[in-house]
Amino acid sequence: MNRTARYTIGPGVLGLLLSGILGCASPEHASDSGENHHAATDGGATDGDATDGATVHHRFDDPERWADRFEDPSRDAWQEPERVLQAMELTVSSRVADIGAATGYFPVRIAPRVPEGVVYGVDIEPTLVNYLNVRAHRAGLTNLVGLVCEPQDPRIPEPVDVVLVCNTYHHIDMRVDYFERLRGSLRPGGRLMIVDFRKGEFPVGPSDEHKLPATQVIDELGRAGYRIADQFELQYQYVLVFRCSSGPE
């Protein structure tokens, strides 16, 4: 795959990256309609769900094309970002990680709400991470940092208050193991938010056979050490909020 990026990282972002954050990054994903795919290689989407994992392949060597898709203004109507952001219960100093950040649909909305905190937009695709870092620099979002990492190890550089996984959960392989490791990246009382597509044929989202029911997500994350704390529905999706089973409410 052609990984040659056409962007240059500005001095503000570069300073953050050189401070050592990039050395311990976290993974990406991108979705069939909103954002995020867990694995991206040459070829089209080839989802394959197992009981505890899924694999999708996409090519991301033209990030501007994917930005046009992920950041299409029509997405706001069904993604309902304000409802998702409200459920995060952010404070000015919150630390947030978006696993599967892609071109930054949610990170650029989160960063202004946490001016004394930080937002990590993590993704396995270097071209998309580079795009996000350039986007953050141009927007003056100095507390937003895009990071590249491996598919099976979140490796968020510090514990955070909220981990968001939007339109991505169904792409992650070996999910129970993955989210067990992720528990170490949550601060005491921290929350994990899963936003993904409900079963049913909708004008956006993956085909129905690649979707996971909310009950399966709750079961898998229960085995990974989380308990469901809240849940609600968007137009085509469910939003599940979890806390670590051993953590405070």
C-alpha atoms as a PDB file:
ATOM      1  CA  MET A   1       0.000   0.000   0.000  1.00  0.00           C
ATOM      2  CA  ASN A   2       1.166   3.481  -0.761  1.00  0.00           C
ATOM      3  CA  ARG A   3       1.719   5.162   2.603  1.00  0.00           C
ATOM      4  CA  THR A   4       3.261   8.349   1.190  1.00  0.00           C
ATOM      5  CA  ALA A   5       1.594  11.294   2.934  1.00  0.00           C
ATOM      6  CA  ARG A   6       1.082  14.629   1.230  1.00  0.00           C
ATOM      7  CA  TYR A   7       0.916  16.601   4.445  1.00  0.00           C
ATOM      8  CA  THR A   8       3.400  18.212   6.789  1.00  0.00           C
ATOM      9  CA  ILE A   9       2.835  18.417  10.517  1.00  0.00           C
ATOM     10  CA  GLY A  10       2.892  21.942  11.881  1.00  0.00           C
ATOM     11  CA  PRO A  11       5.276  23.033  14.637  1.00  0.00           C
ATOM     12  CA  GLY A  12       2.673  22.971  17.420  1.00  0.00           C
ATOM     13  CA  VAL A  13       1.667  19.374  16.777  1.00  0.00           C
ATOM     14  CA  LEU A  14       5.227  18.358  16.044  1.00  0.00           C
ATOM     15  CA  GLY A  15       6.296  19.588  19.451  1.00  0.00           C
ATOM     16  CA  LEU A  16       3.722  17.412  21.140  1.00  0.00           C
ATOM     17  CA  LEU A  17       4.710  14.372  19.128  1.00  0.00           C
ATOM     18  CA  LEU A  18       8.409  14.842  19.771  1.00  0.00           C
ATOM     19  CA  SER A  19       7.727  15.037  23.501  1.00  0.00           C
ATOM     20  CA  GLY A  20       7.370  11.259  23.468  1.00  0.00           C
ATOM     21  CA  ILE A  21       3.633  10.785  23.034  1.00  0.00           C
ATOM     22  CA  LEU A  22       3.919   9.162  19.626  1.00  0.00           C
ATOM     23  CA  GLY A  23       6.098   6.398  21.030  1.00  0.00           C
ATOM     24  CA  CYS A  24       3.126   4.951  22.910  1.00  0.00           C
ATOM     25  CA  ALA A  25       0.149   5.444  20.660  1.00  0.00           C
ATOM     26  CA  SER A  26      -3.092   3.593  20.046  1.00  0.00           C
ATOM     27  CA  PRO A  27      -5.075   2.001  17.201  1.00  0.00           C
ATOM     28  CA  GLU A  28      -7.585   3.040  14.552  1.00  0.00           C
ATOM     29  CA  HIS A  29     -10.581   1.797  12.741  1.00  0.00           C
ATOM     30  CA  ALA A  30     -12.945   3.188  10.135  1.00  0.00           C
ATOM     31  CA  SER A  31     -16.595   2.431   9.471  1.00  0.00           C
ATOM     32  CA  ASP A  32     -18.683   1.589   6.479  1.00  0.00           C
ATOM     33  CA  SER A  33     -20.479   4.898   6.629  1.00  0.00           C
ATOM     34  CA  GLY A  34     -19.605   7.144   9.482  1.00  0.00           C
ATOM     35  CA  GLU A  35     -15.987   6.590  10.239  1.00  0.00           C
ATOM     36  CA  ASN A  36     -13.395   4.054  11.140  1.00  0.00           C
ATOM     37  CA  HIS A  37     -12.160   0.632  10.003  1.00  0.00           C
ATOM     38  CA  HIS A  38     -10.073  -1.537  12.259  1.00  0.00           C
ATOM     39  CA  ALA A  39      -7.806  -2.991   9.598  1.00  0.00           C
ATOM     40  CA  ALA A  40      -6.998  -1.333   6.304  1.00  0.00           C
ATOM     41  CA  THR A  41      -5.188  -3.047   3.470  1.00  0.00           C
ATOM     42  CA  ASP A  42      -5.532  -3.097  -0.304  1.00  0.00           C
ATOM     43  CA  GLY A  43      -8.987  -4.072  -1.491  1.00  0.00           C
ATOM     44  CA  GLY A  44     -12.562  -3.361  -0.527  1.00  0.00           C
ATOM     45  CA  ALA A  45     -14.511  -4.108   2.609  1.00  0.00           C
ATOM     46  CA  THR A  46     -14.335  -7.768   3.529  1.00  0.00           C
ATOM     47  CA  ASP A  47     -15.989  -7.936   6.923  1.00  0.00           C
ATOM     48  CA  GLY A  48     -15.898 -11.284   8.645  1.00  0.00           C
ATOM     49  CA  ASP A  49     -17.456 -11.578  12.083  1.00  0.00           C
ATOM     50  CA  ALA A  50     -16.561 -14.302  14.520  1.00  0.00           C
ATOM     51  CA  THR A  51     -17.996 -14.693  18.004  1.00  0.00           C
ATOM     52  CA  ASP A  52     -15.293 -12.464  19.428  1.00  0.00           C
ATOM     53  CA  GLY A  53     -13.891 -10.524  16.515  1.00  0.00           C
ATOM     54  CA  ALA A  54     -14.238  -9.072  13.057  1.00  0.00           C
ATOM     55  CA  THR A  55     -11.919  -8.047  10.268  1.00  0.00           C
ATOM     56  CA  VAL A  56     -12.393  -5.371   7.638  1.00  0.00           C
ATOM     57  CA  HIS A  57     -10.019  -4.270   4.920  1.00  0.00           C
ATOM     58  CA  HIS A  58      -9.941  -0.849   3.340  1.00  0.00           C
ATOM     59  CA  ARG A  59      -7.410   1.313   1.589  1.00  0.00           C
ATOM     60  CA  PHE A  60      -6.650   4.736   3.036  1.00  0.00           C
ATOM     61  CA  ASP A  61      -3.911   6.154   0.824  1.00  0.00           C
ATOM     62  CA  ASP A  62      -6.161   9.082  -0.190  1.00  0.00           C
ATOM     63  CA  PRO A  63      -7.173  10.627   3.150  1.00  0.00           C
ATOM     64  CA  GLU A  64      -8.866  13.617   1.543  1.00  0.00           C
ATOM     65  CA  ARG A  65     -11.304  11.284  -0.181  1.00  0.00           C
ATOM     66  CA  TRP A  66     -12.061   9.573   3.130  1.00  0.00           C
ATOM     67  CA  ALA A  67     -12.418  12.941   4.835  1.00  0.00           C
ATOM     68  CA  ASP A  68     -15.084  13.879   2.300  1.00  0.00           C
ATOM     69  CA  ARG A  69     -16.923  10.713   3.270  1.00  0.00           C
ATOM     70  CA  PHE A  70     -16.398  10.758   7.035  1.00  0.00           C
ATOM     71  CA  GLU A  71     -16.961  14.503   7.459  1.00  0.00           C
ATOM     72  CA  ASP A  72     -19.956  14.855   5.130  1.00  0.00           C
ATOM     73  CA  PRO A  73     -22.321  17.356   6.810  1.00  0.00           C
ATOM     74  CA  SER A  74     -25.235  14.985   6.244  1.00  0.00           C
ATOM     75  CA  ARG A  75     -23.682  12.664   8.833  1.00  0.00           C
ATOM     76  CA  ASP A  76     -24.674  15.014  11.649  1.00  0.00           C
ATOM     77  CA  ALA A  77     -28.366  14.196  11.178  1.00  0.00           C
ATOM     78  CA  TRP A  78     -27.990  10.503  12.010  1.00  0.00           C
ATOM     79  CA  GLN A  79     -24.780  10.520  14.061  1.00  0.00           C
ATOM     80  CA  GLU A  80     -26.292  13.079  16.462  1.00  0.00           C
ATOM     81  CA  PRO A  81     -22.890  14.195  17.785  1.00  0.00           C
ATOM     82  CA  GLU A  82     -24.327  16.545  20.423  1.00  0.00           C
ATOM     83  CA  ARG A  83     -26.143  13.691  22.145  1.00  0.00           C
ATOM     84  CA  VAL A  84     -22.968  11.606  22.160  1.00  0.00           C
ATOM     85  CA  LEU A  85     -20.904  14.499  23.503  1.00  0.00           C
ATOM     86  CA  GLN A  86     -23.411  15.187  26.278  1.00  0.00           C
ATOM     87  CA  ALA A  87     -23.253  11.550  27.353  1.00  0.00           C
ATOM     88  CA  MET A  88     -19.477  11.875  27.780  1.00  0.00           C
ATOM     89  CA  GLU A  89     -20.029  14.251  30.718  1.00  0.00           C
ATOM     90  CA  LEU A  90     -16.869  16.136  29.834  1.00  0.00           C
ATOM     91  CA  THR A  91     -15.192  18.713  32.056  1.00  0.00           C
ATOM     92  CA  VAL A  92     -12.695  21.359  30.982  1.00  0.00           C
ATOM     93  CA  SER A  93      -9.845  19.080  32.054  1.00  0.00           C
ATOM     94  CA  SER A  94     -11.127  15.731  30.772  1.00  0.00           C
ATOM     95  CA  ARG A  95      -8.734  13.376  29.016  1.00  0.00           C
ATOM     96  CA  VAL A  96     -10.311  11.503  26.138  1.00  0.00           C
ATOM     97  CA  ALA A  97      -9.223   8.850  23.647  1.00  0.00           C
ATOM     98  CA  ASP A  98     -11.119   8.156  20.432  1.00  0.00           C
ATOM     99  CA  ILE A  99     -10.162   4.704  19.176  1.00  0.00           C
ATOM    100  CA  GLY A 100     -10.719   4.702  15.439  1.00  0.00           C
ATOM    101  CA  ALA A 101     -10.498   8.469  15.105  1.00  0.00           C
ATOM    102  CA  ALA A 102      -9.922   8.418  11.326  1.00  0.00           C
ATOM    103  CA  THR A 103     -10.079  12.012  10.042  1.00  0.00           C
ATOM    104  CA  GLY A 104     -11.322  13.352  13.357  1.00  0.00           C
ATOM    105  CA  TYR A 105     -15.111  13.695  13.253  1.00  0.00           C
ATOM    106  CA  PHE A 106     -15.439  13.433  17.035  1.00  0.00           C
ATOM    107  CA  PRO A 107     -11.959  14.565  18.203  1.00  0.00           C
ATOM    108  CA  VAL A 108     -12.337  18.030  16.641  1.00  0.00           C
ATOM    109  CA  ARG A 109     -15.669  18.392  18.429  1.00  0.00           C
ATOM    110  CA  ILE A 110     -14.310  17.161  21.760  1.00  0.00           C
ATOM    111  CA  ALA A 111     -11.104  19.221  21.897  1.00  0.00           C
ATOM    112  CA  PRO A 112     -12.756  22.664  22.324  1.00  0.00           C
ATOM    113  CA  ARG A 113     -14.796  21.277  25.240  1.00  0.00           C
ATOM    114  CA  VAL A 114     -11.708  20.151  27.166  1.00  0.00           C
ATOM    115  CA  PRO A 115      -9.347  23.164  26.873  1.00  0.00           C
ATOM    116  CA  GLU A 116      -7.353  22.078  29.924  1.00  0.00           C
ATOM    117  CA  GLY A 117      -7.433  18.414  28.961  1.00  0.00           C
ATOM    118  CA  VAL A 118      -6.279  16.398  25.985  1.00  0.00           C
ATOM    119  CA  VAL A 119      -7.823  14.362  23.185  1.00  0.00           C
ATOM    120  CA  TYR A 120      -5.977  11.426  21.647  1.00  0.00           C
ATOM    121  CA  GLY A 121      -7.229  10.479  18.198  1.00  0.00           C
ATOM    122  CA  VAL A 122      -5.805   6.997  17.749  1.00  0.00           C
ATOM    123  CA  ASP A 123      -5.757   4.982  14.572  1.00  0.00           C
ATOM    124  CA  ILE A 124      -3.791   2.222  12.879  1.00  0.00           C
ATOM    125  CA  GLU A 125      -3.643   4.166   9.598  1.00  0.00           C
ATOM    126  CA  PRO A 126      -0.671   6.582   9.417  1.00  0.00           C
ATOM    127  CA  THR A 127      -2.165   8.555   6.524  1.00  0.00           C
ATOM    128  CA  LEU A 128      -5.327   9.263   8.487  1.00  0.00           C
ATOM    129  CA  VAL A 129      -3.400  10.132  11.652  1.00  0.00           C
ATOM    130  CA  ASN A 130      -1.220  12.524   9.677  1.00  0.00           C
ATOM    131  CA  TYR A 131      -4.352  14.108   8.211  1.00  0.00           C
ATOM    132  CA  LEU A 132      -5.836  14.521  11.704  1.00  0.00           C
ATOM    133  CA  ASN A 133      -2.676  16.131  13.070  1.00  0.00           C
ATOM    134  CA  VAL A 134      -2.607  18.618  10.196  1.00  0.00           C
ATOM    135  CA  ARG A 135      -6.290  19.323  10.699  1.00  0.00           C
ATOM    136  CA  ALA A 136      -5.770  19.940  14.421  1.00  0.00           C
ATOM    137  CA  HIS A 137      -2.826  22.266  13.755  1.00  0.00           C
ATOM    138  CA  ARG A 138      -4.736  24.302  11.203  1.00  0.00           C
ATOM    139  CA  ALA A 139      -7.692  24.617  13.570  1.00  0.00           C
ATOM    140  CA  GLY A 140      -5.476  25.663  16.474  1.00  0.00           C
ATOM    141  CA  LEU A 141      -6.490  22.626  18.535  1.00  0.00           C
ATOM    142  CA  THR A 142      -3.247  22.243  20.447  1.00  0.00           C
ATOM    143  CA  ASN A 143      -4.792  19.712  22.855  1.00  0.00           C
ATOM    144  CA  LEU A 144      -5.659  17.261  20.055  1.00  0.00           C
ATOM    145  CA  VAL A 145      -3.004  14.715  19.102  1.00  0.00           C
ATOM    146  CA  GLY A 146      -3.332  11.961  16.517  1.00  0.00           C
ATOM    147  CA  LEU A 147      -1.449   8.762  17.295  1.00  0.00           C
ATOM    148  CA  VAL A 148      -0.628   5.599  15.355  1.00  0.00           C
ATOM    149  CA  CYS A 149      -0.588   2.195  17.029  1.00  0.00           C
ATOM    150  CA  GLU A 150      -1.060  -1.531  16.532  1.00  0.00           C
ATOM    151  CA  PRO A 151      -4.437  -3.191  15.928  1.00  0.00           C
ATOM    152  CA  GLN A 152      -4.387  -5.389  19.043  1.00  0.00           C
ATOM    153  CA  ASP A 153      -2.914  -3.067  21.667  1.00  0.00           C
ATOM    154  CA  PRO A 154      -4.586   0.265  22.536  1.00  0.00           C
ATOM    155  CA  ARG A 155      -1.446   1.609  24.268  1.00  0.00           C
ATOM    156  CA  ILE A 156      -3.041   4.971  25.032  1.00  0.00           C
ATOM    157  CA  PRO A 157      -0.143   7.011  26.459  1.00  0.00           C
ATOM    158  CA  GLU A 158      -1.821   7.789  29.796  1.00  0.00           C
ATOM    159  CA  PRO A 159      -5.019   6.860  31.617  1.00  0.00           C
ATOM    160  CA  VAL A 160      -8.017   8.821  30.356  1.00  0.00           C
ATOM    161  CA  ASP A 161     -11.476   9.681  31.642  1.00  0.00           C
ATOM    162  CA  VAL A 162     -13.394   8.565  28.549  1.00  0.00           C
ATOM    163  CA  VAL A 163     -12.648   6.142  25.737  1.00  0.00           C
ATOM    164  CA  LEU A 164     -14.908   6.524  22.710  1.00  0.00           C
ATOM    165  CA  VAL A 165     -15.237   3.721  20.152  1.00  0.00           C
ATOM    166  CA  CYS A 166     -17.572   4.963  17.429  1.00  0.00           C
ATOM    167  CA  ASN A 167     -18.577   2.854  14.414  1.00  0.00           C
ATOM    168  CA  THR A 168     -15.579   0.651  15.128  1.00  0.00           C
ATOM    169  CA  TYR A 169     -16.357  -2.007  17.725  1.00  0.00           C
ATOM    170  CA  HIS A 170     -17.599  -4.542  15.167  1.00  0.00           C
ATOM    171  CA  HIS A 171     -14.258  -4.296  13.317  1.00  0.00           C
ATOM    172  CA  ILE A 172     -12.031  -5.202  16.279  1.00  0.00           C
ATOM    173  CA  ASP A 173     -10.535  -8.695  16.456  1.00  0.00           C
ATOM    174  CA  MET A 174     -10.485 -10.657  19.731  1.00  0.00           C
ATOM    175  CA  ARG A 175     -12.581  -8.044  21.448  1.00  0.00           C
ATOM    176  CA  VAL A 176     -12.633  -9.515  24.969  1.00  0.00           C
ATOM    177  CA  ASP A 177      -8.830  -9.599  25.133  1.00  0.00           C
ATOM    178  CA  TYR A 178      -8.569  -6.178  23.520  1.00  0.00           C
ATOM    179  CA  PHE A 179     -10.891  -4.488  25.991  1.00  0.00           C
ATOM    180  CA  GLU A 180      -9.368  -6.276  28.971  1.00  0.00           C
ATOM    181  CA  ARG A 181      -6.102  -4.543  28.053  1.00  0.00           C
ATOM    182  CA  LEU A 182      -7.934  -1.271  27.552  1.00  0.00           C
ATOM    183  CA  ARG A 183      -9.056  -1.235  31.198  1.00  0.00           C
ATOM    184  CA  GLY A 184      -5.555  -0.149  32.168  1.00  0.00           C
ATOM    185  CA  SER A 185      -6.049   3.006  30.095  1.00  0.00           C
ATOM    186  CA  LEU A 186      -9.047   4.217  32.110  1.00  0.00           C
ATOM    187  CA  ARG A 187      -8.711   6.478  35.130  1.00  0.00           C
ATOM    188  CA  PRO A 188     -10.700   5.580  38.283  1.00  0.00           C
ATOM    189  CA  GLY A 189     -14.347   6.162  37.489  1.00  0.00           C
ATOM    190  CA  GLY A 190     -13.566   6.375  33.773  1.00  0.00           C
ATOM    191  CA  ARG A 191     -16.050   5.357  31.108  1.00  0.00           C
ATOM    192  CA  LEU A 192     -15.983   3.403  27.891  1.00  0.00           C
ATOM    193  CA  MET A 193     -18.528   4.475  25.258  1.00  0.00           C
ATOM    194  CA  ILE A 194     -19.474   2.231  22.357  1.00  0.00           C
ATOM    195  CA  VAL A 195     -21.441   3.726  19.469  1.00  0.00           C
ATOM    196  CA  ASP A 196     -22.321   1.290  16.697  1.00  0.00           C
ATOM    197  CA  PHE A 197     -25.052   0.347  14.266  1.00  0.00           C
ATOM    198  CA  ARG A 198     -28.160  -1.540  15.258  1.00  0.00           C
ATOM    199  CA  LYS A 199     -29.380  -4.517  13.301  1.00  0.00           C
ATOM    200  CA  GLY A 200     -31.574  -3.544  10.387  1.00  0.00           C
ATOM    201  CA  GLU A 201     -31.223  -2.222   6.864  1.00  0.00           C
ATOM    202  CA  PHE A 202     -30.460   1.502   7.003  1.00  0.00           C
ATOM    203  CA  PRO A 203     -29.289   4.000   4.371  1.00  0.00           C
ATOM    204  CA  VAL A 204     -25.936   4.250   6.167  1.00  0.00           C
ATOM    205  CA  GLY A 205     -23.708   1.771   7.948  1.00  0.00           C
ATOM    206  CA  PRO A 206     -22.366  -1.702   7.168  1.00  0.00           C
ATOM    207  CA  SER A 207     -24.478  -4.485   5.781  1.00  0.00           C
ATOM    208  CA  ASP A 208     -26.669  -6.178   8.349  1.00  0.00           C
ATOM    209  CA  GLU A 209     -24.600  -9.356   8.624  1.00  0.00           C
ATOM    210  CA  HIS A 210     -21.657  -7.327   9.923  1.00  0.00           C
ATOM    211  CA  LYS A 211     -23.555  -5.594  12.710  1.00  0.00           C
ATOM    212  CA  LEU A 212     -23.540  -6.738  16.312  1.00  0.00           C
ATOM    213  CA  PRO A 213     -26.589  -6.502  18.559  1.00  0.00           C
ATOM    214  CA  ALA A 214     -26.188  -4.431  21.696  1.00  0.00           C
ATOM    215  CA  THR A 215     -26.760  -7.555  23.804  1.00  0.00           C
ATOM    216  CA  GLN A 216     -23.643  -9.154  22.308  1.00  0.00           C
ATOM    217  CA  VAL A 217     -21.551  -6.049  23.016  1.00  0.00           C
ATOM    218  CA  ILE A 218     -22.774  -5.969  26.618  1.00  0.00           C
ATOM    219  CA  ASP A 219     -21.976  -9.675  27.026  1.00  0.00           C
ATOM    220  CA  GLU A 220     -18.475  -9.393  25.535  1.00  0.00           C
ATOM    221  CA  LEU A 221     -17.560  -6.339  27.571  1.00  0.00           C
ATOM    222  CA  GLY A 222     -18.963  -7.991  30.693  1.00  0.00           C
ATOM    223  CA  ARG A 223     -16.461 -10.793  30.128  1.00  0.00           C
ATOM    224  CA  ALA A 224     -13.758  -8.150  29.660  1.00  0.00           C
ATOM    225  CA  GLY A 225     -14.506  -6.666  33.085  1.00  0.00           C
ATOM    226  CA  TYR A 226     -16.995  -3.871  32.349  1.00  0.00           C
ATOM    227  CA  ARG A 227     -20.548  -3.250  33.495  1.00  0.00           C
ATOM    228  CA  ILE A 228     -23.194  -1.359  31.581  1.00  0.00           C
ATOM    229  CA  ALA A 229     -23.978   2.006  33.190  1.00  0.00           C
ATOM    230  CA  ASP A 230     -26.239   3.647  30.600  1.00  0.00           C
ATOM    231  CA  GLN A 231     -27.614   3.073  27.120  1.00  0.00           C
ATOM    232  CA  PHE A 232     -29.752   4.899  24.578  1.00  0.00           C
ATOM    233  CA  GLU A 233     -30.407   4.909  20.854  1.00  0.00           C
ATOM    234  CA  LEU A 234     -29.603   7.319  18.033  1.00  0.00           C
ATOM    235  CA  GLN A 235     -31.378   7.227  14.690  1.00  0.00           C
ATOM    236  CA  TYR A 236     -29.601   4.080  13.463  1.00  0.00           C
ATOM    237  CA  GLN A 237     -27.274   3.251  16.343  1.00  0.00           C
ATOM    238  CA  TYR A 238     -27.032   2.316  19.987  1.00  0.00           C
ATOM    239  CA  VAL A 239     -24.862   4.116  22.525  1.00  0.00           C
ATOM    240  CA  LEU A 240     -23.576   1.949  25.378  1.00  0.00           C
ATOM    241  CA  VAL A 241     -21.758   3.463  28.347  1.00  0.00           C
ATOM    242  CA  PHE A 242     -19.617   1.154  30.479  1.00  0.00           C
ATOM    243  CA  ARG A 243     -17.533   1.385  33.622  1.00  0.00           C
ATOM    244  CA  CYS A 244     -14.964  -1.086  34.877  1.00  0.00           C
ATOM    245  CA  SER A 245     -16.603  -3.653  37.130  1.00  0.00           C
ATOM    246  CA  SER A 246     -14.139  -2.942  39.938  1.00  0.00           C
ATOM    247  CA  GLY A 247     -14.299   0.835  39.580  1.00  0.00           C
ATOM    248  CA  PRO A 248     -16.463   3.358  41.415  1.00  0.00           C
ATOM    249  CA  GLU A 249     -19.824   4.382  40.000  1.00  0.00           C
END
